[in-house]
Amino acid sequence: MNSKQKRSKTASLVKDFGSQCWWCGCKLSPDKITLDHLKPQSKGGSNSLENLRLACFHCNNSRGNSLYPPQKKR
């Protein structure tokens, strides 16, 4: 996914779900938003909007390529 596609998908997700982490609900400033794949690409997931959600770095990073929700913040 190139940067233009990423910006477009991020904008669509912000419009649909608001600017918060899908997993923990924390508010995300535009510079802190990451795109998380519900089904990781390494497990056959796509870059479609249906498979993408906004996430904070902690939640996205702690999930790795897992199919499960991230570990709770400490």
N, C-alpha and C. Protein backbone atom coordinates (compact mmCIF):
# COMPACT_ATOMS: atom_id res chain seq x y z
N MET A 1 0.86 -1.16 0.00
CA MET A 1 0.00 0.00 0.00
C MET A 1 0.91 1.23 0.00
N ASN A 2 0.69 2.13 -0.94
CA ASN A 2 1.51 3.33 -0.99
C ASN A 2 0.96 4.38 -0.02
N SER A 3 1.71 5.48 0.15
CA SER A 3 1.33 6.48 1.15
C SER A 3 -0.01 7.15 0.82
N LYS A 4 -0.31 7.35 -0.45
CA LYS A 4 -1.59 7.96 -0.84
C LYS A 4 -2.75 7.03 -0.47
N GLN A 5 -2.60 5.74 -0.73
CA GLN A 5 -3.64 4.77 -0.38
C GLN A 5 -3.81 4.71 1.14
N LYS A 6 -2.68 4.73 1.86
CA LYS A 6 -2.72 4.68 3.32
C LYS A 6 -3.47 5.89 3.88
N ARG A 7 -3.17 7.10 3.38
CA ARG A 7 -3.87 8.30 3.83
C ARG A 7 -5.36 8.21 3.55
N SER A 8 -5.72 7.72 2.38
CA SER A 8 -7.13 7.60 1.99
C SER A 8 -7.86 6.61 2.89
N LYS A 9 -7.24 5.47 3.15
CA LYS A 9 -7.87 4.46 4.00
C LYS A 9 -7.98 4.94 5.44
N THR A 10 -6.94 5.63 5.91
CA THR A 10 -6.98 6.19 7.26
C THR A 10 -8.12 7.19 7.38
N ALA A 11 -8.26 8.08 6.41
CA ALA A 11 -9.34 9.08 6.43
C ALA A 11 -10.71 8.40 6.43
N SER A 12 -10.87 7.35 5.64
CA SER A 12 -12.15 6.62 5.61
C SER A 12 -12.46 5.99 6.96
N LEU A 13 -11.45 5.41 7.59
CA LEU A 13 -11.65 4.76 8.89
C LEU A 13 -11.95 5.79 9.98
N VAL A 14 -11.28 6.96 9.93
CA VAL A 14 -11.58 8.02 10.90
C VAL A 14 -13.02 8.47 10.73
N LYS A 15 -13.46 8.61 9.49
CA LYS A 15 -14.84 9.02 9.23
C LYS A 15 -15.84 7.99 9.76
N ASP A 16 -15.53 6.71 9.55
CA ASP A 16 -16.45 5.64 9.96
C ASP A 16 -16.44 5.34 11.46
N PHE A 17 -15.25 5.38 12.07
CA PHE A 17 -15.12 4.92 13.46
C PHE A 17 -14.64 5.98 14.44
N GLY A 18 -14.27 7.15 13.95
CA GLY A 18 -13.72 8.17 14.83
C GLY A 18 -12.22 7.98 14.98
N SER A 19 -11.60 8.95 15.62
CA SER A 19 -10.14 8.94 15.76
C SER A 19 -9.74 8.33 17.10
N GLN A 20 -10.02 7.04 17.25
CA GLN A 20 -9.66 6.34 18.48
C GLN A 20 -9.18 4.94 18.16
N CYS A 21 -8.44 4.37 19.09
CA CYS A 21 -7.91 3.01 18.91
C CYS A 21 -9.07 2.02 18.94
N TRP A 22 -9.10 1.14 17.97
CA TRP A 22 -10.13 0.10 17.87
C TRP A 22 -10.11 -0.81 19.09
N TRP A 23 -8.93 -1.04 19.66
CA TRP A 23 -8.78 -2.02 20.73
C TRP A 23 -8.96 -1.43 22.13
N CYS A 24 -8.29 -0.32 22.44
CA CYS A 24 -8.34 0.20 23.81
C CYS A 24 -9.19 1.45 23.94
N GLY A 25 -9.57 2.06 22.82
CA GLY A 25 -10.45 3.21 22.85
C GLY A 25 -9.77 4.55 23.11
N CYS A 26 -8.45 4.57 23.24
CA CYS A 26 -7.78 5.84 23.49
C CYS A 26 -7.89 6.76 22.27
N LYS A 27 -7.96 8.06 22.53
CA LYS A 27 -8.03 9.06 21.47
C LYS A 27 -6.68 9.12 20.76
N LEU A 28 -6.72 9.23 19.43
CA LEU A 28 -5.49 9.25 18.64
C LEU A 28 -5.37 10.58 17.89
N SER A 29 -4.23 11.22 18.06
CA SER A 29 -3.95 12.40 17.24
C SER A 29 -3.51 11.90 15.87
N PRO A 30 -3.66 12.71 14.84
CA PRO A 30 -3.33 12.25 13.48
C PRO A 30 -1.93 11.67 13.34
N ASP A 31 -0.97 12.18 14.10
CA ASP A 31 0.40 11.68 13.98
C ASP A 31 0.64 10.39 14.77
N LYS A 32 -0.34 9.95 15.55
CA LYS A 32 -0.19 8.74 16.37
C LYS A 32 -1.01 7.56 15.84
N ILE A 33 -1.73 7.75 14.75
CA ILE A 33 -2.58 6.70 14.21
C ILE A 33 -1.75 5.65 13.47
N THR A 34 -2.02 4.39 13.74
CA THR A 34 -1.45 3.31 12.94
C THR A 34 -2.61 2.49 12.36
N LEU A 35 -2.37 1.84 11.24
CA LEU A 35 -3.36 0.95 10.65
C LEU A 35 -3.06 -0.47 11.10
N ASP A 36 -4.07 -1.13 11.63
CA ASP A 36 -3.92 -2.50 12.11
C ASP A 36 -4.77 -3.42 11.24
N HIS A 37 -4.21 -4.55 10.86
CA HIS A 37 -4.95 -5.55 10.08
C HIS A 37 -5.64 -6.50 11.05
N LEU A 38 -6.97 -6.62 10.96
CA LEU A 38 -7.69 -7.56 11.81
C LEU A 38 -7.16 -8.97 11.57
N LYS A 39 -7.07 -9.36 10.31
CA LYS A 39 -6.42 -10.61 9.94
C LYS A 39 -5.07 -10.21 9.34
N PRO A 40 -3.97 -10.52 10.03
CA PRO A 40 -2.66 -10.08 9.57
C PRO A 40 -2.35 -10.52 8.13
N GLN A 41 -1.59 -9.69 7.46
CA GLN A 41 -1.19 -10.01 6.09
C GLN A 41 -0.43 -11.33 6.04
N SER A 42 0.35 -11.61 7.07
CA SER A 42 1.13 -12.85 7.09
C SER A 42 0.24 -14.09 7.19
N LYS A 43 -1.02 -13.88 7.53
CA LYS A 43 -1.97 -14.99 7.62
C LYS A 43 -3.04 -14.88 6.53
N GLY A 44 -2.73 -14.13 5.47
CA GLY A 44 -3.62 -14.03 4.33
C GLY A 44 -4.56 -12.83 4.33
N GLY A 45 -4.40 -11.92 5.28
CA GLY A 45 -5.25 -10.74 5.35
C GLY A 45 -4.92 -9.75 4.24
N SER A 46 -5.90 -8.94 3.90
CA SER A 46 -5.73 -7.98 2.80
C SER A 46 -5.64 -6.55 3.34
N ASN A 47 -5.43 -5.61 2.44
CA ASN A 47 -5.42 -4.20 2.77
C ASN A 47 -6.79 -3.56 2.54
N SER A 48 -7.84 -4.36 2.47
CA SER A 48 -9.18 -3.83 2.26
C SER A 48 -9.65 -3.11 3.53
N LEU A 49 -10.55 -2.15 3.36
CA LEU A 49 -11.08 -1.42 4.52
C LEU A 49 -11.75 -2.36 5.53
N GLU A 50 -12.34 -3.43 5.05
CA GLU A 50 -12.99 -4.39 5.94
C GLU A 50 -12.00 -5.06 6.88
N ASN A 51 -10.72 -5.11 6.49
CA ASN A 51 -9.70 -5.78 7.29
C ASN A 51 -8.82 -4.80 8.05
N LEU A 52 -9.06 -3.51 7.92
CA LEU A 52 -8.21 -2.51 8.57
C LEU A 52 -8.97 -1.80 9.67
N ARG A 53 -8.25 -1.47 10.75
CA ARG A 53 -8.79 -0.65 11.83
C ARG A 53 -7.68 0.28 12.31
N LEU A 54 -8.08 1.39 12.94
CA LEU A 54 -7.13 2.32 13.52
C LEU A 54 -6.72 1.79 14.88
N ALA A 55 -5.44 1.92 15.19
CA ALA A 55 -4.94 1.44 16.48
C ALA A 55 -3.81 2.33 16.97
N CYS A 56 -3.65 2.39 18.29
CA CYS A 56 -2.49 3.07 18.85
C CYS A 56 -1.28 2.16 18.64
N PHE A 57 -0.10 2.73 18.75
CA PHE A 57 1.11 1.96 18.51
C PHE A 57 1.20 0.76 19.46
N HIS A 58 0.88 0.99 20.74
CA HIS A 58 0.99 -0.10 21.72
C HIS A 58 0.12 -1.31 21.33
N CYS A 59 -1.13 -1.06 21.03
CA CYS A 59 -2.04 -2.16 20.68
C CYS A 59 -1.61 -2.84 19.39
N ASN A 60 -1.27 -2.06 18.38
CA ASN A 60 -0.85 -2.63 17.10
C ASN A 60 0.42 -3.46 17.28
N ASN A 61 1.38 -2.91 18.01
CA ASN A 61 2.66 -3.59 18.20
C ASN A 61 2.52 -4.84 19.06
N SER A 62 1.69 -4.78 20.09
CA SER A 62 1.56 -5.94 20.98
C SER A 62 0.80 -7.10 20.32
N ARG A 63 -0.03 -6.79 19.32
CA ARG A 63 -0.73 -7.86 18.59
C ARG A 63 0.22 -8.61 17.68
N GLY A 64 1.18 -7.91 17.10
CA GLY A 64 2.07 -8.56 16.14
C GLY A 64 1.25 -9.17 15.01
N ASN A 65 1.46 -10.45 14.73
CA ASN A 65 0.68 -11.10 13.67
C ASN A 65 -0.36 -12.07 14.26
N SER A 66 -0.79 -11.77 15.47
CA SER A 66 -1.78 -12.60 16.16
C SER A 66 -3.18 -12.33 15.61
N LEU A 67 -4.04 -13.31 15.70
CA LEU A 67 -5.44 -13.15 15.34
C LEU A 67 -6.26 -12.66 16.54
N TYR A 68 -5.62 -12.54 17.70
CA TYR A 68 -6.30 -12.20 18.94
C TYR A 68 -6.11 -10.73 19.29
N PRO A 69 -6.97 -10.19 20.15
CA PRO A 69 -6.81 -8.80 20.60
C PRO A 69 -5.46 -8.62 21.30
N PRO A 70 -4.99 -7.36 21.38
CA PRO A 70 -3.70 -7.11 22.04
C PRO A 70 -3.77 -7.34 23.53
N GLN A 71 -2.59 -7.46 24.13
CA GLN A 71 -2.51 -7.55 25.58
C GLN A 71 -2.85 -6.20 26.16
N LYS A 72 -3.42 -6.21 27.35
CA LYS A 72 -3.81 -4.97 28.03
C LYS A 72 -2.58 -4.12 28.33
N LYS A 73 -2.78 -2.78 28.30
CA LYS A 73 -1.71 -1.85 28.68
C LYS A 73 -1.45 -2.00 30.17
N ARG A 74 -0.21 -1.82 30.56
CA ARG A 74 0.13 -1.91 31.99
C ARG A 74 0.29 -0.56 32.58
